[in-house]
N, C-alpha and C. Protein backbone atom coordinates (compact mmCIF):
# COMPACT_ATOMS: atom_id res chain seq x y z
N MET A 1 6.62 -5.52 7.55
CA MET A 1 6.20 -4.16 7.37
C MET A 1 7.16 -3.27 8.15
N SER A 2 7.48 -2.14 7.58
CA SER A 2 8.38 -1.20 8.22
C SER A 2 7.79 -0.67 9.51
N ASP A 3 8.66 -0.37 10.48
CA ASP A 3 8.16 0.22 11.72
C ASP A 3 7.67 1.65 11.50
N ARG A 4 7.92 2.19 10.33
CA ARG A 4 7.43 3.54 9.98
C ARG A 4 6.01 3.50 9.46
N ILE A 5 5.52 2.33 9.11
CA ILE A 5 4.16 2.19 8.61
C ILE A 5 3.35 1.51 9.69
N THR A 6 2.30 2.15 10.11
CA THR A 6 1.45 1.62 11.17
C THR A 6 0.02 1.44 10.67
N VAL A 7 -0.67 0.50 11.26
CA VAL A 7 -2.08 0.27 10.96
C VAL A 7 -2.84 0.28 12.26
N ASP A 8 -3.75 1.20 12.39
CA ASP A 8 -4.56 1.35 13.60
C ASP A 8 -6.02 1.51 13.15
N PRO A 9 -6.90 0.62 13.55
CA PRO A 9 -8.29 0.72 13.11
C PRO A 9 -8.96 2.04 13.50
N LEU A 10 -8.43 2.73 14.49
CA LEU A 10 -9.02 4.00 14.92
C LEU A 10 -8.39 5.20 14.21
N LEU A 11 -7.42 4.97 13.35
CA LEU A 11 -6.75 6.07 12.64
C LEU A 11 -6.94 5.94 11.15
N CYS A 12 -7.51 6.90 10.52
CA CYS A 12 -7.71 6.91 9.07
C CYS A 12 -8.42 5.65 8.58
N HIS A 13 -9.44 5.22 9.33
CA HIS A 13 -10.23 4.07 8.94
C HIS A 13 -9.41 2.79 8.80
N GLY A 14 -8.31 2.68 9.54
CA GLY A 14 -7.50 1.49 9.51
C GLY A 14 -6.54 1.39 8.32
N LYS A 15 -6.43 2.47 7.56
CA LYS A 15 -5.50 2.48 6.43
C LYS A 15 -4.08 2.53 6.94
N PRO A 16 -3.13 1.91 6.26
CA PRO A 16 -1.72 2.01 6.64
C PRO A 16 -1.27 3.48 6.59
N CYS A 17 -0.67 3.95 7.68
CA CYS A 17 -0.25 5.35 7.79
C CYS A 17 1.22 5.44 8.15
N ILE A 18 1.74 6.64 7.96
CA ILE A 18 3.13 6.92 8.32
C ILE A 18 3.23 7.20 9.81
N ARG A 19 3.96 6.37 10.53
CA ARG A 19 4.28 6.52 11.95
C ARG A 19 3.12 6.90 12.84
N GLY A 20 1.95 6.42 12.57
CA GLY A 20 0.82 6.78 13.40
C GLY A 20 0.30 8.18 13.21
N LEU A 21 0.88 8.88 12.26
CA LEU A 21 0.40 10.23 11.92
C LEU A 21 -0.78 10.04 10.97
N ARG A 22 -1.47 11.08 10.70
CA ARG A 22 -2.65 10.98 9.81
C ARG A 22 -2.25 11.21 8.34
N TYR A 23 -1.23 10.47 7.92
CA TYR A 23 -0.79 10.49 6.53
C TYR A 23 -0.87 9.07 6.01
N PRO A 24 -1.98 8.72 5.37
CA PRO A 24 -2.05 7.38 4.80
C PRO A 24 -0.97 7.18 3.74
N VAL A 25 -0.45 5.98 3.67
CA VAL A 25 0.57 5.62 2.67
C VAL A 25 0.06 5.93 1.27
N GLU A 26 -1.20 5.66 1.02
CA GLU A 26 -1.77 5.91 -0.32
C GLU A 26 -1.66 7.38 -0.70
N ASN A 27 -1.80 8.30 0.26
CA ASN A 27 -1.65 9.73 -0.05
C ASN A 27 -0.22 10.04 -0.49
N VAL A 28 0.74 9.50 0.24
CA VAL A 28 2.14 9.75 -0.13
C VAL A 28 2.42 9.22 -1.54
N LEU A 29 1.90 8.04 -1.83
CA LEU A 29 2.12 7.46 -3.16
C LEU A 29 1.42 8.31 -4.23
N GLU A 30 0.24 8.83 -3.92
CA GLU A 30 -0.48 9.69 -4.88
C GLU A 30 0.29 10.97 -5.11
N TRP A 31 0.87 11.54 -4.05
CA TRP A 31 1.65 12.78 -4.22
C TRP A 31 2.84 12.52 -5.16
N LEU A 32 3.50 11.42 -4.92
CA LEU A 32 4.64 11.08 -5.78
C LEU A 32 4.20 10.82 -7.23
N ALA A 33 3.10 10.12 -7.39
CA ALA A 33 2.58 9.83 -8.73
C ALA A 33 2.15 11.08 -9.44
N SER A 34 1.74 12.10 -8.71
CA SER A 34 1.29 13.34 -9.32
C SER A 34 2.46 14.20 -9.77
N GLY A 35 3.66 13.81 -9.40
CA GLY A 35 4.85 14.57 -9.84
C GLY A 35 5.58 15.28 -8.71
N MET A 36 5.04 15.24 -7.51
CA MET A 36 5.75 15.86 -6.38
C MET A 36 7.04 15.09 -6.13
N THR A 37 8.08 15.82 -5.81
CA THR A 37 9.33 15.17 -5.44
C THR A 37 9.34 14.95 -3.94
N THR A 38 10.28 14.15 -3.50
CA THR A 38 10.43 13.94 -2.06
C THR A 38 10.66 15.29 -1.34
N GLU A 39 11.45 16.14 -1.97
CA GLU A 39 11.72 17.45 -1.38
C GLU A 39 10.44 18.29 -1.28
N ASP A 40 9.59 18.22 -2.32
CA ASP A 40 8.31 18.94 -2.29
C ASP A 40 7.46 18.47 -1.12
N ILE A 41 7.38 17.17 -0.95
CA ILE A 41 6.56 16.60 0.14
C ILE A 41 7.10 17.01 1.48
N LEU A 42 8.41 16.90 1.66
CA LEU A 42 9.02 17.25 2.93
C LEU A 42 8.85 18.73 3.24
N ALA A 43 8.87 19.57 2.21
CA ALA A 43 8.65 21.02 2.41
C ALA A 43 7.22 21.31 2.81
N ASP A 44 6.27 20.58 2.24
CA ASP A 44 4.84 20.82 2.53
C ASP A 44 4.39 20.18 3.83
N TYR A 45 5.03 19.10 4.23
CA TYR A 45 4.60 18.33 5.42
C TYR A 45 5.82 18.16 6.34
N ALA A 46 6.06 19.17 7.17
CA ALA A 46 7.26 19.21 7.98
C ALA A 46 7.44 18.06 8.95
N ASP A 47 6.36 17.39 9.31
CA ASP A 47 6.50 16.29 10.28
C ASP A 47 6.86 14.97 9.61
N LEU A 48 6.93 14.96 8.28
CA LEU A 48 7.40 13.77 7.58
C LEU A 48 8.91 13.83 7.39
N GLU A 49 9.52 12.64 7.33
CA GLU A 49 10.96 12.54 7.12
C GLU A 49 11.23 11.76 5.84
N ARG A 50 12.41 11.92 5.30
CA ARG A 50 12.80 11.23 4.06
C ARG A 50 12.58 9.72 4.18
N GLU A 51 12.90 9.14 5.32
CA GLU A 51 12.73 7.71 5.53
C GLU A 51 11.26 7.31 5.47
N ASP A 52 10.35 8.23 5.83
CA ASP A 52 8.91 7.93 5.72
C ASP A 52 8.53 7.75 4.28
N ILE A 53 9.06 8.60 3.42
CA ILE A 53 8.75 8.51 1.98
C ILE A 53 9.29 7.21 1.43
N LEU A 54 10.51 6.84 1.80
CA LEU A 54 11.09 5.59 1.35
C LEU A 54 10.29 4.38 1.84
N ALA A 55 9.80 4.45 3.09
CA ALA A 55 8.98 3.38 3.62
C ALA A 55 7.65 3.26 2.86
N ALA A 56 7.09 4.42 2.52
CA ALA A 56 5.83 4.39 1.75
C ALA A 56 6.06 3.79 0.37
N LEU A 57 7.20 4.08 -0.23
CA LEU A 57 7.50 3.52 -1.55
C LEU A 57 7.71 2.01 -1.50
N SER A 58 8.28 1.50 -0.44
CA SER A 58 8.52 0.05 -0.35
C SER A 58 7.31 -0.68 0.21
N PHE A 59 6.40 0.04 0.82
CA PHE A 59 5.24 -0.62 1.44
C PHE A 59 4.39 -1.42 0.48
N PRO A 60 4.00 -0.92 -0.68
CA PRO A 60 3.10 -1.69 -1.55
C PRO A 60 3.65 -3.07 -1.90
N HIS A 61 4.94 -3.18 -2.09
CA HIS A 61 5.51 -4.48 -2.43
C HIS A 61 5.22 -5.49 -1.32
N GLY A 62 5.53 -5.16 -0.10
CA GLY A 62 5.26 -6.08 1.00
C GLY A 62 3.78 -6.32 1.23
N TRP A 63 2.99 -5.28 1.13
CA TRP A 63 1.56 -5.39 1.34
C TRP A 63 0.92 -6.28 0.25
N LEU A 64 1.25 -6.03 -0.97
CA LEU A 64 0.65 -6.81 -2.06
C LEU A 64 1.09 -8.25 -2.01
N THR A 65 2.34 -8.51 -1.75
CA THR A 65 2.78 -9.89 -1.77
C THR A 65 2.26 -10.65 -0.57
N LEU A 66 2.05 -10.01 0.55
CA LEU A 66 1.58 -10.73 1.74
C LEU A 66 0.08 -10.79 1.87
N ASN A 67 -0.62 -9.73 1.47
CA ASN A 67 -2.07 -9.66 1.75
C ASN A 67 -2.93 -9.71 0.50
N ASP A 68 -2.75 -8.77 -0.36
CA ASP A 68 -3.66 -8.65 -1.51
C ASP A 68 -3.51 -9.80 -2.49
N LEU A 69 -2.37 -10.45 -2.52
CA LEU A 69 -2.20 -11.56 -3.40
C LEU A 69 -3.20 -12.67 -3.10
N ASN A 70 -3.48 -12.87 -1.82
CA ASN A 70 -4.46 -13.88 -1.44
C ASN A 70 -5.85 -13.48 -1.92
N VAL A 71 -6.18 -12.21 -1.83
CA VAL A 71 -7.47 -11.74 -2.31
C VAL A 71 -7.53 -11.93 -3.83
N TRP A 72 -6.46 -11.55 -4.51
CA TRP A 72 -6.40 -11.68 -5.96
C TRP A 72 -6.62 -13.14 -6.38
N ARG A 73 -5.98 -14.03 -5.69
CA ARG A 73 -6.09 -15.44 -6.07
C ARG A 73 -7.47 -16.03 -5.81
N HIS A 74 -8.09 -15.61 -4.73
CA HIS A 74 -9.31 -16.27 -4.30
C HIS A 74 -10.61 -15.56 -4.64
N GLU A 75 -10.55 -14.29 -4.97
CA GLU A 75 -11.79 -13.58 -5.21
C GLU A 75 -12.00 -13.15 -6.61
N ILE A 76 -11.01 -13.26 -7.49
CA ILE A 76 -11.18 -12.83 -8.89
C ILE A 76 -11.16 -14.06 -9.76
N PRO A 77 -12.32 -14.46 -10.32
CA PRO A 77 -12.40 -15.65 -11.12
C PRO A 77 -11.42 -15.61 -12.29
N GLY A 78 -10.83 -16.77 -12.57
CA GLY A 78 -9.91 -16.86 -13.69
C GLY A 78 -8.53 -16.37 -13.42
N ARG A 79 -8.21 -15.90 -12.23
CA ARG A 79 -6.90 -15.37 -11.93
C ARG A 79 -6.00 -16.38 -11.21
N CYS A 80 -6.53 -17.56 -10.93
CA CYS A 80 -5.74 -18.53 -10.23
C CYS A 80 -6.12 -19.91 -10.73
N SER A 81 -5.14 -20.78 -10.80
CA SER A 81 -5.41 -22.11 -11.34
C SER A 81 -6.40 -22.89 -10.49
N THR A 82 -6.67 -22.43 -9.26
CA THR A 82 -7.61 -23.12 -8.40
C THR A 82 -9.04 -22.58 -8.55
N SER A 83 -9.24 -21.51 -9.31
CA SER A 83 -10.57 -20.97 -9.44
C SER A 83 -11.40 -21.85 -10.39
N PRO A 84 -12.69 -21.99 -10.15
CA PRO A 84 -13.54 -22.82 -11.02
C PRO A 84 -13.49 -22.35 -12.48
N ALA A 85 -13.48 -21.03 -12.69
CA ALA A 85 -13.48 -20.51 -14.07
C ALA A 85 -12.21 -20.96 -14.79
N HIS A 86 -11.09 -20.91 -14.10
CA HIS A 86 -9.83 -21.29 -14.72
C HIS A 86 -9.79 -22.79 -15.01
N ARG A 87 -10.33 -23.58 -14.10
CA ARG A 87 -10.35 -25.03 -14.32
C ARG A 87 -11.22 -25.36 -15.53
N GLN A 88 -12.33 -24.64 -15.71
CA GLN A 88 -13.19 -24.90 -16.87
C GLN A 88 -12.49 -24.57 -18.15
N LEU A 89 -11.75 -23.45 -18.15
CA LEU A 89 -10.99 -23.08 -19.36
C LEU A 89 -9.91 -24.10 -19.70
N ALA A 90 -9.33 -24.70 -18.70
CA ALA A 90 -8.26 -25.66 -18.90
C ALA A 90 -8.75 -27.00 -19.41
N GLU A 91 -10.01 -27.30 -19.17
CA GLU A 91 -10.59 -28.60 -19.58
C GLU A 91 -10.90 -28.65 -21.05
């Protein structure tokens, strides 16, 4: 995980945030998804830096591959060859 992305259980309910500021990564991604440019975000939020936006963009890849993939494999029936539902379908 980038040193620009921090997780603190006492900050924003433990959501990954930008540099310990109260900007959850998910907000930055939502702003970008809504059509805001990096320049728009930097103009609206002066305490953010271009590298923060880049870290937010790369964060989901690392987070999903390291953490959520395990949840996906073990908690969603039929999504992993080790799940009982998948084994039944294979038989």
